[in-house]
PDB file of all heavy atoms in Angstrom:
ATOM      1  N   HIS A   1       0.840  -1.191  -0.011  1.00  0.00           N
ATOM      2  CA  HIS A   1       0.009   0.019   0.000  1.00  0.00           C
ATOM      3  C   HIS A   1       0.846   1.251  -0.001  1.00  0.00           C
ATOM      4  O   HIS A   1       0.336   2.389  -0.016  1.00  0.00           O
ATOM      5  CB  HIS A   1      -0.898   0.008   1.230  1.00  0.00           C
ATOM      6  CG  HIS A   1      -0.204   0.152   2.513  1.00  0.00           C
ATOM      7  ND1 HIS A   1       0.386  -0.924   3.179  1.00  0.00           N
ATOM      8  CD2 HIS A   1       0.060   1.244   3.280  1.00  0.00           C
ATOM      9  CE1 HIS A   1       0.962  -0.478   4.300  1.00  0.00           C
ATOM     10  NE2 HIS A   1       0.779   0.805   4.378  1.00  0.00           N
ATOM     11  N   ASP A   2       2.166   1.070   0.039  1.00  0.00           N
ATOM     12  CA  ASP A   2       3.088   2.193   0.255  1.00  0.00           C
ATOM     13  C   ASP A   2       4.075   2.403  -0.932  1.00  0.00           C
ATOM     14  O   ASP A   2       5.044   3.095  -0.795  1.00  0.00           O
ATOM     15  CB  ASP A   2       3.905   1.883   1.511  1.00  0.00           C
ATOM     16  CG  ASP A   2       4.329   3.117   2.247  1.00  0.00           C
ATOM     17  OD1 ASP A   2       3.663   4.138   2.037  1.00  0.00           O
ATOM     18  OD2 ASP A   2       5.256   3.050   3.064  1.00  0.00           O
ATOM     19  N   ARG A   3       3.763   1.759  -2.067  1.00  0.00           N
ATOM     20  CA  ARG A   3       4.708   1.756  -3.163  1.00  0.00           C
ATOM     21  C   ARG A   3       5.135   3.155  -3.641  1.00  0.00           C
ATOM     22  O   ARG A   3       6.300   3.360  -3.971  1.00  0.00           O
ATOM     23  CB  ARG A   3       4.078   1.019  -4.343  1.00  0.00           C
ATOM     24  CG  ARG A   3       4.905   1.060  -5.661  1.00  0.00           C
ATOM     25  CD  ARG A   3       5.924  -0.055  -5.784  1.00  0.00           C
ATOM     26  NE  ARG A   3       5.232  -1.309  -5.731  1.00  0.00           N
ATOM     27  CZ  ARG A   3       5.747  -2.415  -5.187  1.00  0.00           C
ATOM     28  NH1 ARG A   3       6.887  -2.373  -4.595  1.00  0.00           N
ATOM     29  NH2 ARG A   3       5.085  -3.548  -5.221  1.00  0.00           N
ATOM     30  N   GLN A   4       4.203   4.099  -3.615  1.00  0.00           N
ATOM     31  CA  GLN A   4       4.506   5.436  -4.148  1.00  0.00           C
ATOM     32  C   GLN A   4       5.596   6.129  -3.324  1.00  0.00           C
ATOM     33  O   GLN A   4       6.236   7.083  -3.836  1.00  0.00           O
ATOM     34  CB  GLN A   4       3.249   6.280  -4.266  1.00  0.00           C
ATOM     35  CG  GLN A   4       2.688   6.785  -2.926  1.00  0.00           C
ATOM     36  CD  GLN A   4       1.863   5.706  -2.238  1.00  0.00           C
ATOM     37  OE1 GLN A   4       1.760   4.562  -2.689  1.00  0.00           O
ATOM     38  NE2 GLN A   4       1.220   6.076  -1.118  1.00  0.00           N
ATOM     39  N   ARG A   5       5.796   5.668  -2.095  1.00  0.00           N
ATOM     40  CA  ARG A   5       6.823   6.323  -1.260  1.00  0.00           C
ATOM     41  C   ARG A   5       8.136   5.659  -1.432  1.00  0.00           C
ATOM     42  O   ARG A   5       9.170   6.174  -0.899  1.00  0.00           O
ATOM     43  CB  ARG A   5       6.386   6.191   0.229  1.00  0.00           C
ATOM     44  CG  ARG A   5       5.123   6.949   0.520  1.00  0.00           C
ATOM     45  CD  ARG A   5       4.802   6.914   1.997  1.00  0.00           C
ATOM     46  NE  ARG A   5       5.769   7.645   2.810  1.00  0.00           N
ATOM     47  CZ  ARG A   5       5.607   7.972   4.088  1.00  0.00           C
ATOM     48  NH1 ARG A   5       4.490   7.595   4.703  1.00  0.00           N
ATOM     49  NH2 ARG A   5       6.508   8.642   4.752  1.00  0.00           N
ATOM     50  N   HIS A   6       8.284   4.564  -2.157  1.00  0.00           N
ATOM     51  CA  HIS A   6       9.550   3.840  -2.264  1.00  0.00           C
ATOM     52  C   HIS A   6      10.387   4.486  -3.363  1.00  0.00           C
ATOM     53  O   HIS A   6      10.430   4.075  -4.517  1.00  0.00           O
ATOM     54  CB  HIS A   6       9.286   2.386  -2.588  1.00  0.00           C
ATOM     55  CG  HIS A   6       8.703   1.642  -1.460  1.00  0.00           C
ATOM     56  ND1 HIS A   6       8.233   0.340  -1.564  1.00  0.00           N
ATOM     57  CD2 HIS A   6       8.441   2.001  -0.179  1.00  0.00           C
ATOM     58  CE1 HIS A   6       7.736  -0.058  -0.418  1.00  0.00           C
ATOM     59  NE2 HIS A   6       7.852   0.998   0.460  1.00  0.00           N
ATOM     60  N   ARG A   7      11.095   5.553  -2.963  1.00  0.00           N
ATOM     61  CA  ARG A   7      11.904   6.319  -3.897  1.00  0.00           C
ATOM     62  C   ARG A   7      13.392   5.916  -3.792  1.00  0.00           C
ATOM     63  O   ARG A   7      14.220   6.509  -4.456  1.00  0.00           O
ATOM     64  CB  ARG A   7      11.731   7.809  -3.668  1.00  0.00           C
ATOM     65  CG  ARG A   7      10.307   8.268  -3.908  1.00  0.00           C
ATOM     66  CD  ARG A   7      10.159   9.788  -3.673  1.00  0.00           C
ATOM     67  NE  ARG A   7      10.413  10.132  -2.252  1.00  0.00           N
ATOM     68  CZ  ARG A   7       9.439  10.087  -1.324  1.00  0.00           C
ATOM     69  NH1 ARG A   7       8.225   9.749  -1.653  1.00  0.00           N
ATOM     70  NH2 ARG A   7       9.682  10.443  -0.083  1.00  0.00           N
ATOM     71  N   GLY A   8      13.707   4.967  -2.899  1.00  0.00           N
ATOM     72  CA  GLY A   8      15.068   4.418  -2.850  1.00  0.00           C
ATOM     73  C   GLY A   8      15.969   5.041  -1.783  1.00  0.00           C
ATOM     74  O   GLY A   8      17.093   4.580  -1.667  1.00  0.00           O
ATOM     75  N   GLU A   9      15.486   5.986  -1.035  1.00  0.00           N
ATOM     76  CA  GLU A   9      16.412   6.626  -0.089  1.00  0.00           C
ATOM     77  C   GLU A   9      16.213   6.150   1.349  1.00  0.00           C
ATOM     78  O   GLU A   9      15.162   5.639   1.705  1.00  0.00           O
ATOM     79  CB  GLU A   9      16.237   8.197  -0.103  1.00  0.00           C
ATOM     80  CG  GLU A   9      15.024   8.708   0.574  1.00  0.00           C
ATOM     81  CD  GLU A   9      13.767   8.817  -0.319  1.00  0.00           C
ATOM     82  OE1 GLU A   9      13.821   8.184  -1.411  1.00  0.00           O
ATOM     83  OE2 GLU A   9      12.801   9.456   0.070  1.00  0.00           O
ATOM     84  N   SER A  10      17.237   6.329   2.164  1.00  0.00           N
ATOM     85  CA  SER A  10      17.187   6.071   3.584  1.00  0.00           C
ATOM     86  C   SER A  10      17.184   7.400   4.341  1.00  0.00           C
ATOM     87  O   SER A  10      17.762   8.400   3.867  1.00  0.00           O
ATOM     88  CB  SER A  10      18.428   5.248   4.015  1.00  0.00           C
ATOM     89  OG  SER A  10      18.453   3.988   3.432  1.00  0.00           O
ATOM     90  N   LEU A  11      16.500   7.439   5.451  1.00  0.00           N
ATOM     91  CA  LEU A  11      16.439   8.650   6.248  1.00  0.00           C
ATOM     92  C   LEU A  11      17.778   8.963   6.833  1.00  0.00           C
ATOM     93  O   LEU A  11      18.512   8.005   7.189  1.00  0.00           O
ATOM     94  CB  LEU A  11      15.360   8.547   7.332  1.00  0.00           C
ATOM     95  CG  LEU A  11      13.934   8.903   6.853  1.00  0.00           C
ATOM     96  CD1 LEU A  11      13.385   7.838   5.917  1.00  0.00           C
ATOM     97  CD2 LEU A  11      13.029   9.081   8.070  1.00  0.00           C
ATOM     98  N   LEU A  12      18.105  10.202   6.967  1.00  0.00           N
ATOM     99  CA  LEU A  12      19.350  10.647   7.605  1.00  0.00           C
ATOM    100  C   LEU A  12      19.418  10.175   9.049  1.00  0.00           C
ATOM    101  O   LEU A  12      18.373  10.213   9.742  1.00  0.00           O
ATOM    102  CB  LEU A  12      19.555  12.130   7.523  1.00  0.00           C
ATOM    103  CG  LEU A  12      19.643  12.759   6.123  1.00  0.00           C
ATOM    104  CD1 LEU A  12      19.645  14.278   6.226  1.00  0.00           C
ATOM    105  CD2 LEU A  12      20.916  12.232   5.425  1.00  0.00           C
ATOM    106  N   PHE A  13      20.586   9.792   9.503  1.00  0.00           N
ATOM    107  CA  PHE A  13      20.721   9.339  10.886  1.00  0.00           C
ATOM    108  C   PHE A  13      20.230  10.396  11.877  1.00  0.00           C
ATOM    109  O   PHE A  13      19.559  10.038  12.842  1.00  0.00           O
ATOM    110  CB  PHE A  13      22.225   8.992  11.137  1.00  0.00           C
ATOM    111  CG  PHE A  13      22.421   8.523  12.539  1.00  0.00           C
ATOM    112  CD1 PHE A  13      22.119   7.248  12.951  1.00  0.00           C
ATOM    113  CD2 PHE A  13      23.059   9.359  13.478  1.00  0.00           C
ATOM    114  CE1 PHE A  13      22.368   6.815  14.203  1.00  0.00           C
ATOM    115  CE2 PHE A  13      23.307   8.935  14.759  1.00  0.00           C
ATOM    116  CZ  PHE A  13      22.954   7.678  15.163  1.00  0.00           C
ATOM    117  N   ALA A  14      20.538  11.639  11.628  1.00  0.00           N
ATOM    118  CA  ALA A  14      20.104  12.732  12.528  1.00  0.00           C
ATOM    119  C   ALA A  14      18.579  12.786  12.620  1.00  0.00           C
ATOM    120  O   ALA A  14      18.031  13.042  13.689  1.00  0.00           O
ATOM    121  CB  ALA A  14      20.701  14.049  12.063  1.00  0.00           C
ATOM    122  N   ASP A  15      17.898  12.602  11.496  1.00  0.00           N
ATOM    123  CA  ASP A  15      16.414  12.633  11.501  1.00  0.00           C
ATOM    124  C   ASP A  15      15.880  11.420  12.258  1.00  0.00           C
ATOM    125  O   ASP A  15      14.853  11.539  12.926  1.00  0.00           O
ATOM    126  CB  ASP A  15      15.910  12.644  10.065  1.00  0.00           C
ATOM    127  CG  ASP A  15      16.251  13.969   9.365  1.00  0.00           C
ATOM    128  OD1 ASP A  15      16.395  14.978  10.072  1.00  0.00           O
ATOM    129  OD2 ASP A  15      16.278  13.970   8.113  1.00  0.00           O
ATOM    130  N   VAL A  16      16.530  10.248  12.095  1.00  0.00           N
ATOM    131  CA  VAL A  16      16.074   9.053  12.832  1.00  0.00           C
ATOM    132  C   VAL A  16      16.196   9.295  14.360  1.00  0.00           C
ATOM    133  O   VAL A  16      15.297   8.977  15.138  1.00  0.00           O
ATOM    134  CB  VAL A  16      16.874   7.835  12.377  1.00  0.00           C
ATOM    135  CG1 VAL A  16      16.511   6.622  13.283  1.00  0.00           C
ATOM    136  CG2 VAL A  16      16.584   7.517  10.930  1.00  0.00           C
ATOM    137  N   VAL A  17      17.332   9.829  14.716  1.00  0.00           N
ATOM    138  CA  VAL A  17      17.600  10.139  16.173  1.00  0.00           C
ATOM    139  C   VAL A  17      16.527  11.094  16.715  1.00  0.00           C
ATOM    140  O   VAL A  17      15.998  10.900  17.801  1.00  0.00           O
ATOM    141  CB  VAL A  17      19.000  10.655  16.383  1.00  0.00           C
ATOM    142  CG1 VAL A  17      19.175  11.147  17.846  1.00  0.00           C
ATOM    143  CG2 VAL A  17      20.049   9.633  16.060  1.00  0.00           C
ATOM    144  N   LYS A  18      16.222  12.120  15.968  1.00  0.00           N
ATOM    145  CA  LYS A  18      15.181  13.083  16.345  1.00  0.00           C
ATOM    146  C   LYS A  18      13.851  12.389  16.550  1.00  0.00           C
ATOM    147  O   LYS A  18      13.129  12.620  17.538  1.00  0.00           O
ATOM    148  CB  LYS A  18      15.040  14.159  15.280  1.00  0.00           C
ATOM    149  CG  LYS A  18      14.063  15.278  15.583  1.00  0.00           C
ATOM    150  CD  LYS A  18      14.031  16.304  14.522  1.00  0.00           C
ATOM    151  CE  LYS A  18      13.021  17.375  14.856  1.00  0.00           C
ATOM    152  NZ  LYS A  18      12.955  18.434  13.753  1.00  0.00           N
ATOM    153  N   ASP A  19      13.478  11.419  15.658  1.00  0.00           N
ATOM    154  CA  ASP A  19      12.273  10.661  15.777  1.00  0.00           C
ATOM    155  C   ASP A  19      12.305   9.788  17.006  1.00  0.00           C
ATOM    156  O   ASP A  19      11.336   9.650  17.732  1.00  0.00           O
ATOM    157  CB  ASP A  19      12.064   9.879  14.490  1.00  0.00           C
ATOM    158  CG  ASP A  19      10.606   9.446  14.312  1.00  0.00           C
ATOM    159  OD1 ASP A  19       9.854   9.498  15.283  1.00  0.00           O
ATOM    160  OD2 ASP A  19      10.302   8.969  13.194  1.00  0.00           O
ATOM    161  N   LEU A  20      13.450   9.110  17.231  1.00  0.00           N
ATOM    162  CA  LEU A  20      13.604   8.282  18.379  1.00  0.00           C
ATOM    163  C   LEU A  20      13.415   9.009  19.708  1.00  0.00           C
ATOM    164  O   LEU A  20      12.713   8.617  20.616  1.00  0.00           O
ATOM    165  CB  LEU A  20      14.975   7.604  18.400  1.00  0.00           C
ATOM    166  CG  LEU A  20      15.245   6.507  17.362  1.00  0.00           C
ATOM    167  CD1 LEU A  20      16.733   6.143  17.370  1.00  0.00           C
ATOM    168  CD2 LEU A  20      14.414   5.261  17.718  1.00  0.00           C
ATOM    169  N   LYS A  21      13.947  10.284  19.715  1.00  0.00           N
ATOM    170  CA  LYS A  21      13.811  11.083  20.895  1.00  0.00           C
ATOM    171  C   LYS A  21      12.369  11.526  21.172  1.00  0.00           C
ATOM    172  O   LYS A  21      11.899  11.573  22.289  1.00  0.00           O
ATOM    173  CB  LYS A  21      14.716  12.354  20.793  1.00  0.00           C
ATOM    174  CG  LYS A  21      16.184  12.029  20.917  1.00  0.00           C
ATOM    175  CD  LYS A  21      17.044  13.320  20.790  1.00  0.00           C
ATOM    176  CE  LYS A  21      18.509  13.003  20.989  1.00  0.00           C
ATOM    177  NZ  LYS A  21      19.361  14.213  20.781  1.00  0.00           N
ATOM    178  N   SER A  22      11.656  11.771  20.086  1.00  0.00           N
ATOM    179  CA  SER A  22      10.247  12.163  20.235  1.00  0.00           C
ATOM    180  C   SER A  22       9.400  11.042  20.846  1.00  0.00           C
ATOM    181  O   SER A  22       8.513  11.258  21.652  1.00  0.00           O
ATOM    182  CB  SER A  22       9.647  12.563  18.871  1.00  0.00           C
ATOM    183  OG  SER A  22       9.429  11.429  18.034  1.00  0.00           O
ATOM    184  N   GLY A  23       9.779   9.784  20.525  1.00  0.00           N
ATOM    185  CA  GLY A  23       9.096   8.642  21.139  1.00  0.00           C
ATOM    186  C   GLY A  23       9.378   8.554  22.627  1.00  0.00           C
ATOM    187  O   GLY A  23       8.479   8.268  23.431  1.00  0.00           O
ATOM    188  N   ARG A  24      10.590   8.793  23.008  1.00  0.00           N
ATOM    189  CA  ARG A  24      10.951   8.754  24.426  1.00  0.00           C
ATOM    190  C   ARG A  24      10.214   9.878  25.214  1.00  0.00           C
ATOM    191  O   ARG A  24       9.788   9.724  26.317  1.00  0.00           O
ATOM    192  CB  ARG A  24      12.456   8.853  24.618  1.00  0.00           C
ATOM    193  CG  ARG A  24      13.200   7.618  24.181  1.00  0.00           C
ATOM    194  CD  ARG A  24      12.939   6.387  25.077  1.00  0.00           C
ATOM    195  NE  ARG A  24      13.449   6.644  26.426  1.00  0.00           N
ATOM    196  CZ  ARG A  24      12.722   6.767  27.524  1.00  0.00           C
ATOM    197  NH1 ARG A  24      11.398   6.650  27.447  1.00  0.00           N
ATOM    198  NH2 ARG A  24      13.246   6.957  28.685  1.00  0.00           N
ATOM    199  N   GLU A  25      10.060  11.027  24.523  1.00  0.00           N
ATOM    200  CA  GLU A  25       9.366  12.144  25.148  1.00  0.00           C
ATOM    201  C   GLU A  25       7.883  11.808  25.394  1.00  0.00           C
ATOM    202  O   GLU A  25       7.293  12.347  26.301  1.00  0.00           O
ATOM    203  CB  GLU A  25       9.509  13.378  24.278  1.00  0.00           C
ATOM    204  CG  GLU A  25      10.884  13.991  24.297  1.00  0.00           C
ATOM    205  CD  GLU A  25      11.130  15.022  23.190  1.00  0.00           C
ATOM    206  OE1 GLU A  25      10.159  15.331  22.451  1.00  0.00           O
ATOM    207  OE2 GLU A  25      12.253  15.515  23.067  1.00  0.00           O
ATOM    208  N   ARG A  26       7.333  10.901  24.551  1.00  0.00           N
ATOM    209  CA  ARG A  26       5.969  10.474  24.728  1.00  0.00           C
ATOM    210  C   ARG A  26       5.874   9.344  25.787  1.00  0.00           C
ATOM    211  O   ARG A  26       4.784   8.893  26.060  1.00  0.00           O
ATOM    212  CB  ARG A  26       5.398   9.912  23.422  1.00  0.00           C
ATOM    213  CG  ARG A  26       5.094  10.933  22.355  1.00  0.00           C
ATOM    214  CD  ARG A  26       4.157  10.453  21.290  1.00  0.00           C
ATOM    215  NE  ARG A  26       4.601   9.234  20.675  1.00  0.00           N
ATOM    216  CZ  ARG A  26       3.951   8.082  20.731  1.00  0.00           C
ATOM    217  NH1 ARG A  26       2.878   7.930  21.466  1.00  0.00           N
ATOM    218  NH2 ARG A  26       4.453   7.005  20.086  1.00  0.00           N
ATOM    219  N   GLY A  27       7.001   8.967  26.330  1.00  0.00           N
ATOM    220  CA  GLY A  27       6.992   7.947  27.383  1.00  0.00           C
ATOM    221  C   GLY A  27       7.060   6.530  26.857  1.00  0.00           C
ATOM    222  O   GLY A  27       6.802   5.563  27.607  1.00  0.00           O
ATOM    223  N   CYS A  28       7.520   6.368  25.585  1.00  0.00           N
ATOM    224  CA  CYS A  28       7.599   5.002  25.031  1.00  0.00           C
ATOM    225  C   CYS A  28       8.909   4.355  25.415  1.00  0.00           C
ATOM    226  O   CYS A  28       9.951   5.010  25.322  1.00  0.00           O
ATOM    227  CB  CYS A  28       7.457   5.072  23.498  1.00  0.00           C
ATOM    228  SG  CYS A  28       5.884   5.678  22.895  1.00  0.00           S
ATOM    229  N   PHE A  29       8.857   3.120  25.755  1.00  0.00           N
ATOM    230  CA  PHE A  29      10.056   2.317  26.040  1.00  0.00           C
ATOM    231  C   PHE A  29      10.234   1.232  25.011  1.00  0.00           C
ATOM    232  O   PHE A  29      11.166   0.439  25.074  1.00  0.00           O
ATOM    233  CB  PHE A  29       9.986   1.730  27.460  1.00  0.00           C
ATOM    234  CG  PHE A  29      10.148   2.715  28.506  1.00  0.00           C
ATOM    235  CD1 PHE A  29       9.028   3.266  29.150  1.00  0.00           C
ATOM    236  CD2 PHE A  29      11.416   3.163  28.912  1.00  0.00           C
ATOM    237  CE1 PHE A  29       9.158   4.197  30.154  1.00  0.00           C
ATOM    238  CE2 PHE A  29      11.525   4.125  29.911  1.00  0.00           C
ATOM    239  CZ  PHE A  29      10.439   4.657  30.521  1.00  0.00           C
ATOM    240  N   ARG A  30       9.326   1.139  24.057  1.00  0.00           N
ATOM    241  CA  ARG A  30       9.396   0.142  22.992  1.00  0.00           C
ATOM    242  C   ARG A  30       9.360   0.838  21.647  1.00  0.00           C
ATOM    243  O   ARG A  30       8.485   1.638  21.377  1.00  0.00           O
ATOM    244  CB  ARG A  30       8.219  -0.838  23.125  1.00  0.00           C
ATOM    245  CG  ARG A  30       8.234  -1.941  22.104  1.00  0.00           C
ATOM    246  CD  ARG A  30       7.050  -2.881  22.306  1.00  0.00           C
ATOM    247  NE  ARG A  30       7.115  -4.055  21.486  1.00  0.00           N
ATOM    248  CZ  ARG A  30       7.056  -5.300  21.896  1.00  0.00           C
ATOM    249  NH1 ARG A  30       6.887  -5.559  23.173  1.00  0.00           N
ATOM    250  NH2 ARG A  30       7.150  -6.347  21.074  1.00  0.00           N
ATOM    251  N   VAL A  31      10.325   0.524  20.789  1.00  0.00           N
ATOM    252  CA  VAL A  31      10.392   1.160  19.482  1.00  0.00           C
ATOM    253  C   VAL A  31      10.342   0.078  18.420  1.00  0.00           C
ATOM    254  O   VAL A  31      10.881  -1.015  18.554  1.00  0.00           O
ATOM    255  CB  VAL A  31      11.634   2.029  19.300  1.00  0.00           C
ATOM    256  CG1 VAL A  31      12.936   1.177  19.349  1.00  0.00           C
ATOM    257  CG2 VAL A  31      11.600   2.822  18.031  1.00  0.00           C
ATOM    258  N   VAL A  32       9.578   0.379  17.330  1.00  0.00           N
ATOM    259  CA  VAL A  32       9.489  -0.533  16.193  1.00  0.00           C
ATOM    260  C   VAL A  32      10.088   0.186  14.979  1.00  0.00           C
ATOM    261  O   VAL A  32       9.650   1.243  14.560  1.00  0.00           O
ATOM    262  CB  VAL A  32       8.021  -0.846  15.906  1.00  0.00           C
ATOM    263  CG1 VAL A  32       7.942  -1.899  14.758  1.00  0.00           C
ATOM    264  CG2 VAL A  32       7.336  -1.393  17.131  1.00  0.00           C
ATOM    265  N   LEU A  33      11.159  -0.444  14.470  1.00  0.00           N
ATOM    266  CA  LEU A  33      11.861   0.090  13.282  1.00  0.00           C
ATOM    267  C   LEU A  33      11.308  -0.543  12.036  1.00  0.00           C
ATOM    268  O   LEU A  33      11.254  -1.768  11.894  1.00  0.00           O
ATOM    269  CB  LEU A  33      13.336  -0.205  13.384  1.00  0.00           C
ATOM    270  CG  LEU A  33      14.058   0.264  14.679  1.00  0.00           C
ATOM    271  CD1 LEU A  33      15.517  -0.161  14.698  1.00  0.00           C
ATOM    272  CD2 LEU A  33      13.893   1.780  14.882  1.00  0.00           C
ATOM    273  N   SER A  34      10.833   0.278  11.117  1.00  0.00           N
ATOM    274  CA  SER A  34      10.221  -0.202   9.873  1.00  0.00           C
ATOM    275  C   SER A  34      10.661   0.567   8.677  1.00  0.00           C
ATOM    276  O   SER A  34      11.563   1.396   8.772  1.00  0.00           O
ATOM    277  CB  SER A  34       8.706  -0.146  10.007  1.00  0.00           C
ATOM    278  OG  SER A  34       8.245   1.195  10.037  1.00  0.00           O
ATOM    279  N   GLY A  35      10.063   0.293   7.503  1.00  0.00           N
ATOM    280  CA  GLY A  35      10.430   0.964   6.328  1.00  0.00           C
ATOM    281  C   GLY A  35       9.180   1.272   5.530  1.00  0.00           C
ATOM    282  O   GLY A  35       8.154   1.593   6.095  1.00  0.00           O
ATOM    283  N   GLY A  36       9.237   1.107   4.186  1.00  0.00           N
ATOM    284  CA  GLY A  36      10.154   0.364   3.377  1.00  0.00           C
ATOM    285  C   GLY A  36      10.672  -0.893   4.064  1.00  0.00           C
ATOM    286  O   GLY A  36      10.058  -1.534   4.860  1.00  0.00           O
ATOM    287  N   GLU A  37      11.950  -1.187   3.680  1.00  0.00           N
ATOM    288  CA  GLU A  37      12.630  -2.306   4.256  1.00  0.00           C
ATOM    289  C   GLU A  37      13.800  -1.774   5.097  1.00  0.00           C
ATOM    290  O   GLU A  37      14.761  -1.265   4.567  1.00  0.00           O
ATOM    291  CB  GLU A  37      13.147  -3.245   3.122  1.00  0.00           C
ATOM    292  CG  GLU A  37      14.036  -4.363   3.592  1.00  0.00           C
ATOM    293  CD  GLU A  37      13.484  -5.168   4.760  1.00  0.00           C
ATOM    294  OE1 GLU A  37      12.264  -5.543   4.667  1.00  0.00           O
ATOM    295  OE2 GLU A  37      14.193  -5.440   5.775  1.00  0.00           O
ATOM    296  N   PRO A  38      13.682  -1.859   6.454  1.00  0.00           N
ATOM    297  CA  PRO A  38      14.630  -1.188   7.332  1.00  0.00           C
ATOM    298  C   PRO A  38      16.020  -1.773   7.263  1.00  0.00           C
ATOM    299  O   PRO A  38      17.000  -1.121   7.583  1.00  0.00           O
ATOM    300  CB  PRO A  38      14.002  -1.368   8.717  1.00  0.00           C
ATOM    301  CG  PRO A  38      13.087  -2.533   8.576  1.00  0.00           C
ATOM    302  CD  PRO A  38      12.577  -2.474   7.176  1.00  0.00           C
ATOM    303  N   THR A  39      16.163  -3.045   6.883  1.00  0.00           N
ATOM    304  CA  THR A  39      17.476  -3.624   6.810  1.00  0.00           C
ATOM    305  C   THR A  39      18.373  -3.059   5.721  1.00  0.00           C
ATOM    306  O   THR A  39      19.537  -3.318   5.634  1.00  0.00           O
ATOM    307  CB  THR A  39      17.400  -5.184   6.634  1.00  0.00           C
ATOM    308  OG1 THR A  39      16.761  -5.487   5.404  1.00  0.00           O
ATOM    309  CG2 THR A  39      16.685  -5.816   7.789  1.00  0.00           C
ATOM    310  N   LEU A  40      17.767  -2.273   4.831  1.00  0.00           N
ATOM    311  CA  LEU A  40      18.510  -1.614   3.750  1.00  0.00           C
ATOM    312  C   LEU A  40      19.184  -0.339   4.230  1.00  0.00           C
ATOM    313  O   LEU A  40      19.995   0.279   3.518  1.00  0.00           O
ATOM    314  CB  LEU A  40      17.578  -1.283   2.572  1.00  0.00           C
ATOM    315  CG  LEU A  40      16.958  -2.508   1.880  1.00  0.00           C
ATOM    316  CD1 LEU A  40      16.084  -2.019   0.693  1.00  0.00           C
ATOM    317  CD2 LEU A  40      17.969  -3.523   1.391  1.00  0.00           C
TER     318      LEU A  40
END
Protein backbone atom coordinates (compact mmCIF):
# COMPACT_ATOMS: atom_id res chain seq x y z
CA HIS A 1 0.00 0.00 0.00
CA ASP A 2 3.10 2.18 0.24
CA ARG A 3 4.71 1.74 -3.17
CA GLN A 4 4.52 5.41 -4.16
CA ARG A 5 6.81 6.30 -1.25
CA HIS A 6 9.54 3.86 -2.29
CA ARG A 7 11.92 6.31 -3.90
CA GLY A 8 15.06 4.45 -2.84
CA GLU A 9 16.42 6.65 -0.08
CA SER A 10 17.20 6.06 3.58
CA LEU A 11 16.44 8.65 6.22
CA LEU A 12 19.36 10.63 7.60
CA PHE A 13 20.74 9.33 10.88
CA ALA A 14 20.11 12.72 12.54
CA ASP A 15 16.44 12.62 11.50
CA VAL A 16 16.07 9.08 12.83
CA VAL A 17 17.58 10.12 16.17
CA LYS A 18 15.18 13.07 16.34
CA ASP A 19 12.28 10.68 15.78
CA LEU A 20 13.60 8.26 18.40
CA LYS A 21 13.83 11.10 20.92
CA SER A 22 10.24 12.15 20.23
CA GLY A 23 9.10 8.63 21.15
CA ARG A 24 10.95 8.75 24.44
CA GLU A 25 9.37 12.15 25.15
CA ARG A 26 5.97 10.47 24.74
CA GLY A 27 7.00 7.95 27.37
CA CYS A 28 7.60 5.02 25.03
CA PHE A 29 10.05 2.31 26.03
CA ARG A 30 9.39 0.13 22.99
CA VAL A 31 10.38 1.16 19.48
CA VAL A 32 9.47 -0.53 16.19
CA LEU A 33 11.86 0.08 13.28
CA SER A 34 10.21 -0.22 9.89
CA GLY A 35 10.42 0.96 6.30
CA GLY A 36 10.15 0.35 3.39
CA GLU A 37 12.64 -2.33 4.24
CA PRO A 38 14.62 -1.19 7.32
CA THR A 39 17.50 -3.64 6.82
CA LEU A 40 18.51 -1.59 3.76
